[in-house]
Amino acid sequence: MLYLTKLLTELAYPLSLAMLMSVLAIVLLCFHYRRLGLTVLVAGMGWLYLWSTPVFSDWVRGTLENRYEYLAVEELPQADAIVVMGGAFDPWPMDMPYPNMQQAADRYWHGARLYHAGRAPVVIPSGGLLPWRAEDLRGDAESGSVLLTDLGVPEEALIVETEALTTRDNALRVAAIMEERGMESIIVVTSALHMRRSVGSFRAVGIEPIPAATDFEVVSSTDTVGRWFPRAKTLFDSGRAIKEYLGYFVYRLRGWVA
């Protein structure tokens, strides 16, 4: 089911969908459905163009990010633990000395900031390795714990949760840790794009988290012309926004967000 979910998400990305529509258009043209084939082709290319433009992508991502403020660590209340959501590292081969960070590594920087500001005495990096990955790789929480210690968080202040494979798993497994250790409150650190689903997932398991959004991507721009030109990075960013909306929709259907 996890693999099927990942596959369907990949197919929903603008590039994948545009490619499928192009193949369909070619098939229709081969069978002499010229008007319909051209319509499908133009629609596919138009869809790809739209999601590749910063002006449209920023608007869509902004509908997710603008729900949360980028607060200074001093503005956040104290809690029992800081939970850093996974999804910020490439799988880490055991023969490599250090992990490779992705864009969302801001989450771990922000988790360290919160710890050093005294917002909580414990940091919980949460995130495992997908089951189809090679066995000699390390997951996100293990990689994150290395960065956190490099940033000055002592090992004794870390609770490394290495089993969660989804946002739902993050919430369930952190809830179990909280119950086991008698914790009552947590600060959840994740990308602003991902925060809505994260907060909803924790609420669904009976936890009211304190959101500490980071990794904000959308900023104002005065480039009114250039933002209509397609960009490869923008297409990638749009795909993550689509993933969040699809994920939230599925979680809503299954009662996994509240």
Protein backbone atom coordinates (compact mmCIF):
# COMPACT_ATOMS: atom_id res chain seq x y z
CA MET A 1 0.00 0.00 0.00
CA LEU A 2 2.85 2.40 0.82
CA TYR A 3 4.52 1.72 -2.53
CA LEU A 4 1.20 2.10 -4.38
CA THR A 5 0.60 5.43 -2.65
CA LYS A 6 4.04 6.68 -3.65
CA LEU A 7 3.50 5.50 -7.24
CA LEU A 8 0.11 7.21 -7.59
CA THR A 9 1.60 10.41 -6.18
CA GLU A 10 4.39 10.28 -8.77
CA LEU A 11 1.81 9.90 -11.55
CA ALA A 12 -0.05 12.98 -10.30
CA TYR A 13 2.98 15.24 -10.63
CA PRO A 14 2.68 17.73 -13.55
CA LEU A 15 5.59 16.26 -15.53
CA SER A 16 4.30 12.69 -15.26
CA LEU A 17 0.75 13.71 -16.09
CA ALA A 18 1.88 15.78 -19.08
CA MET A 19 3.91 12.84 -20.38
CA LEU A 20 0.94 10.50 -20.04
CA MET A 21 -1.28 12.98 -21.85
CA SER A 22 1.32 13.28 -24.62
CA VAL A 23 1.39 9.50 -25.07
CA LEU A 24 -2.39 9.44 -25.16
CA ALA A 25 -2.38 12.23 -27.75
CA ILE A 26 0.04 10.27 -29.97
CA VAL A 27 -2.19 7.18 -29.74
CA LEU A 28 -5.26 9.22 -30.67
CA LEU A 29 -3.45 10.81 -33.61
CA CYS A 30 -2.32 7.38 -34.83
CA PHE A 31 -5.94 6.27 -34.88
CA HIS A 32 -6.89 9.43 -36.81
CA TYR A 33 -8.63 11.20 -33.92
CA ARG A 34 -6.81 14.34 -34.95
CA ARG A 35 -8.89 16.99 -33.18
CA LEU A 36 -9.13 15.05 -29.93
CA GLY A 37 -5.44 14.13 -30.04
CA LEU A 38 -4.35 17.73 -30.56
CA THR A 39 -6.68 18.88 -27.78
CA VAL A 40 -5.16 16.40 -25.33
CA LEU A 41 -1.63 17.36 -26.40
CA VAL A 42 -2.26 21.10 -25.97
CA ALA A 43 -3.94 20.49 -22.60
CA GLY A 44 -0.97 18.45 -21.39
CA MET A 45 1.57 21.03 -22.48
CA GLY A 46 -0.54 23.82 -21.00
CA TRP A 47 -0.77 21.98 -17.67
CA LEU A 48 3.00 21.49 -17.65
CA TYR A 49 3.61 25.16 -18.46
CA LEU A 50 1.24 26.39 -15.77
CA TRP A 51 2.93 24.47 -12.96
CA SER A 52 6.37 25.51 -14.25
CA THR A 53 5.71 29.23 -13.84
CA PRO A 54 6.72 30.87 -10.55
CA VAL A 55 3.65 33.12 -10.57
CA PHE A 56 1.28 30.14 -10.37
CA SER A 57 3.47 27.82 -8.29
CA ASP A 58 4.13 30.50 -5.67
CA TRP A 59 0.41 31.18 -5.36
CA VAL A 60 -0.39 27.50 -4.78
CA ARG A 61 2.44 26.97 -2.31
CA GLY A 62 1.50 30.19 -0.57
CA THR A 63 -1.96 28.82 0.22
CA LEU A 64 -0.17 26.23 2.38
CA GLU A 65 2.67 28.31 3.79
CA ASN A 66 0.63 31.40 4.68
CA ARG A 67 -1.28 29.46 7.32
CA TYR A 68 1.74 29.73 9.63
CA GLU A 69 4.02 32.52 10.80
CA TYR A 70 7.79 32.30 10.76
CA LEU A 71 8.30 32.97 14.45
CA ALA A 72 11.56 33.66 16.24
CA VAL A 73 12.39 30.86 18.66
CA GLU A 74 11.95 33.22 21.62
CA GLU A 75 8.30 33.73 20.64
CA LEU A 76 7.43 30.05 21.04
CA PRO A 77 6.33 28.58 24.38
CA GLN A 78 8.25 25.90 26.23
CA ALA A 79 7.34 22.25 25.80
CA ASP A 80 8.49 18.78 26.84
CA ALA A 81 10.08 17.94 23.50
CA ILE A 82 10.92 19.28 20.05
CA VAL A 83 9.85 16.92 17.25
CA VAL A 84 11.71 17.32 13.96
CA MET A 85 9.85 15.70 11.08
CA GLY A 86 11.85 13.64 8.59
CA GLY A 87 12.24 14.18 4.86
CA ALA A 88 15.42 16.26 4.81
CA PHE A 89 18.17 13.82 3.81
CA ASP A 90 19.15 11.44 1.05
CA PRO A 91 19.44 7.82 2.21
CA TRP A 92 22.82 7.58 3.89
CA PRO A 93 25.19 4.71 2.90
CA MET A 94 26.91 3.28 5.95
CA ASP A 95 30.35 3.56 4.32
CA MET A 96 29.98 7.35 3.96
CA PRO A 97 31.12 9.46 6.94
CA TYR A 98 28.43 12.13 6.64
CA PRO A 99 24.85 12.32 5.29
CA ASN A 100 23.77 14.49 2.34
CA MET A 101 21.23 17.19 3.16
CA GLN A 102 18.25 18.12 1.02
CA GLN A 103 16.38 21.42 0.88
CA ALA A 104 14.25 20.62 3.94
CA ALA A 105 17.34 20.34 6.19
CA ASP A 106 16.22 23.72 7.57
CA ARG A 107 14.02 21.61 9.83
CA TYR A 108 17.04 20.31 11.74
CA TRP A 109 18.69 23.72 11.93
CA HIS A 110 15.49 25.10 13.41
CA GLY A 111 15.17 22.20 15.83
CA ALA A 112 18.68 22.94 17.10
CA ARG A 113 17.83 26.65 17.43
CA LEU A 114 14.82 25.80 19.54
CA TYR A 115 16.84 23.49 21.76
CA HIS A 116 19.57 26.08 22.35
CA ALA A 117 16.88 28.67 23.11
CA GLY A 118 15.67 26.42 25.93
CA ARG A 119 12.27 25.70 24.39
CA ALA A 120 12.50 22.00 25.36
CA PRO A 121 15.06 19.67 26.97
CA VAL A 122 14.65 16.89 24.39
CA VAL A 123 14.74 16.70 20.58
CA ILE A 124 13.01 13.84 18.72
CA PRO A 125 14.13 13.44 15.09
CA SER A 126 11.53 11.16 13.50
CA GLY A 127 11.78 9.32 10.19
CA GLY A 128 12.78 5.90 8.91
CA LEU A 129 13.96 4.26 5.71
CA LEU A 130 11.45 3.19 3.06
CA PRO A 131 11.29 -0.63 2.85
CA TRP A 132 12.40 -0.83 -0.78
CA ARG A 133 15.65 0.95 -0.04
CA ALA A 134 18.90 -1.03 0.26
CA GLU A 135 19.62 -2.52 3.68
CA ASP A 136 23.00 -0.78 3.97
CA LEU A 137 21.41 2.67 4.11
CA ARG A 138 20.44 4.79 7.09
CA GLY A 139 17.17 6.68 7.38
CA ASP A 140 16.30 10.30 7.95
CA ALA A 141 16.27 10.37 11.74
CA GLU A 142 19.70 8.77 11.94
CA SER A 143 21.08 11.31 9.48
CA GLY A 144 19.33 14.12 11.31
CA SER A 145 20.78 13.09 14.64
CA VAL A 146 24.28 13.51 13.18
CA LEU A 147 23.48 17.06 12.06
CA LEU A 148 21.84 17.89 15.38
CA THR A 149 24.91 16.80 17.33
CA ASP A 150 27.12 18.78 14.93
CA LEU A 151 24.91 21.77 15.77
CA GLY A 152 25.59 21.31 19.47
CA VAL A 153 22.63 19.24 20.65
CA PRO A 154 24.08 16.63 23.06
CA GLU A 155 23.40 12.96 22.31
CA GLU A 156 21.71 12.49 25.69
CA ALA A 157 19.09 15.07 24.64
CA LEU A 158 18.13 13.08 21.53
CA ILE A 159 15.41 10.45 21.18
CA VAL A 160 15.95 9.07 17.67
CA GLU A 161 12.76 7.59 16.21
CA THR A 162 13.75 5.49 13.18
CA GLU A 163 10.58 3.58 12.25
CA ALA A 164 8.14 6.19 10.88
CA LEU A 165 7.64 6.02 7.11
CA THR A 166 4.81 8.56 6.73
CA THR A 167 3.50 11.66 8.47
CA ARG A 168 0.84 9.47 10.05
CA ASP A 169 3.60 7.20 11.37
CA ASN A 170 5.46 10.19 12.78
CA ALA A 171 2.42 11.15 14.83
CA LEU A 172 1.68 7.62 16.06
CA ARG A 173 5.25 6.81 17.06
CA VAL A 174 5.90 10.16 18.72
CA ALA A 175 2.62 9.75 20.63
CA ALA A 176 3.89 6.41 21.92
CA ILE A 177 7.16 8.01 23.05
CA MET A 178 5.26 10.78 24.80
CA GLU A 179 3.07 8.31 26.66
CA GLU A 180 6.04 6.19 27.67
CA ARG A 181 7.99 9.16 29.01
CA GLY A 182 5.10 11.10 30.49
CA MET A 183 5.37 14.04 28.09
CA GLU A 184 2.41 16.36 27.64
CA SER A 185 3.47 18.97 25.09
CA ILE A 186 5.60 19.08 21.94
CA ILE A 187 6.84 21.62 19.44
CA VAL A 188 6.60 20.25 15.90
CA VAL A 189 9.23 21.47 13.44
CA THR A 190 8.73 20.95 9.74
CA SER A 191 8.65 22.85 6.45
CA ALA A 192 5.84 25.40 6.22
CA LEU A 193 4.58 23.52 3.16
CA HIS A 194 4.18 20.34 5.24
CA MET A 195 2.94 21.86 8.49
CA ARG A 196 -0.81 21.64 7.82
CA ARG A 197 -0.72 17.86 7.38
CA SER A 198 1.70 17.44 10.29
CA VAL A 199 -0.44 19.41 12.74
CA GLY A 200 -3.58 17.60 11.60
CA SER A 201 -1.90 14.21 12.00
CA PHE A 202 -0.89 14.92 15.60
CA ARG A 203 -4.34 16.23 16.44
CA ALA A 204 -5.85 13.02 15.06
CA VAL A 205 -3.92 11.00 17.67
CA GLY A 206 -4.94 13.29 20.52
CA ILE A 207 -1.97 15.67 20.63
CA GLU A 208 -2.24 19.44 20.21
CA PRO A 209 1.20 20.36 18.84
CA ILE A 210 2.86 23.75 18.90
CA PRO A 211 3.77 24.46 15.24
CA ALA A 212 7.24 25.84 14.53
CA ALA A 213 7.23 26.23 10.77
CA THR A 214 10.48 26.74 8.90
CA ASP A 215 11.84 26.31 5.37
CA PHE A 216 9.53 28.97 3.94
CA GLU A 217 9.94 29.14 0.16
CA VAL A 218 7.57 31.77 -1.20
CA VAL A 219 8.85 35.34 -1.09
CA SER A 220 7.51 38.46 -2.77
CA SER A 221 9.05 39.48 -6.07
CA THR A 222 8.89 42.53 -8.31
CA ASP A 223 9.80 40.49 -11.41
CA THR A 224 6.35 40.56 -12.99
CA VAL A 225 7.55 39.38 -16.42
CA GLY A 226 10.16 36.74 -15.62
CA ARG A 227 7.82 34.92 -13.26
CA TRP A 228 5.70 33.84 -16.25
CA PHE A 229 8.60 31.95 -17.84
CA PRO A 230 8.79 28.22 -17.04
CA ARG A 231 11.58 26.95 -14.80
CA ALA A 232 12.66 23.41 -13.96
CA LYS A 233 13.05 24.14 -10.24
CA THR A 234 9.59 25.67 -10.12
CA LEU A 235 8.16 22.48 -11.60
CA PHE A 236 9.88 20.48 -8.85
CA ASP A 237 8.54 22.83 -6.16
CA SER A 238 5.03 22.57 -7.61
CA GLY A 239 5.20 18.80 -7.35
CA ARG A 240 5.76 19.01 -3.61
CA ALA A 241 2.74 21.29 -3.22
CA ILE A 242 0.60 18.81 -5.16
CA LYS A 243 1.92 16.02 -2.94
CA GLU A 244 0.85 17.94 0.16
CA TYR A 245 -2.65 18.64 -1.13
CA LEU A 246 -3.12 15.03 -2.25
CA GLY A 247 -1.71 13.77 1.03
CA TYR A 248 -4.01 15.96 3.08
CA PHE A 249 -7.00 14.89 0.99
CA VAL A 250 -6.22 11.18 1.50
CA TYR A 251 -5.56 11.69 5.21
CA ARG A 252 -8.87 13.52 5.50
CA LEU A 253 -10.73 10.65 3.86
CA ARG A 254 -9.11 8.13 6.19
CA GLY A 255 -9.64 10.22 9.35
CA TRP A 256 -5.91 10.72 9.86
CA VAL A 257 -6.09 14.50 10.29
CA ALA A 258 -8.19 16.54 12.66
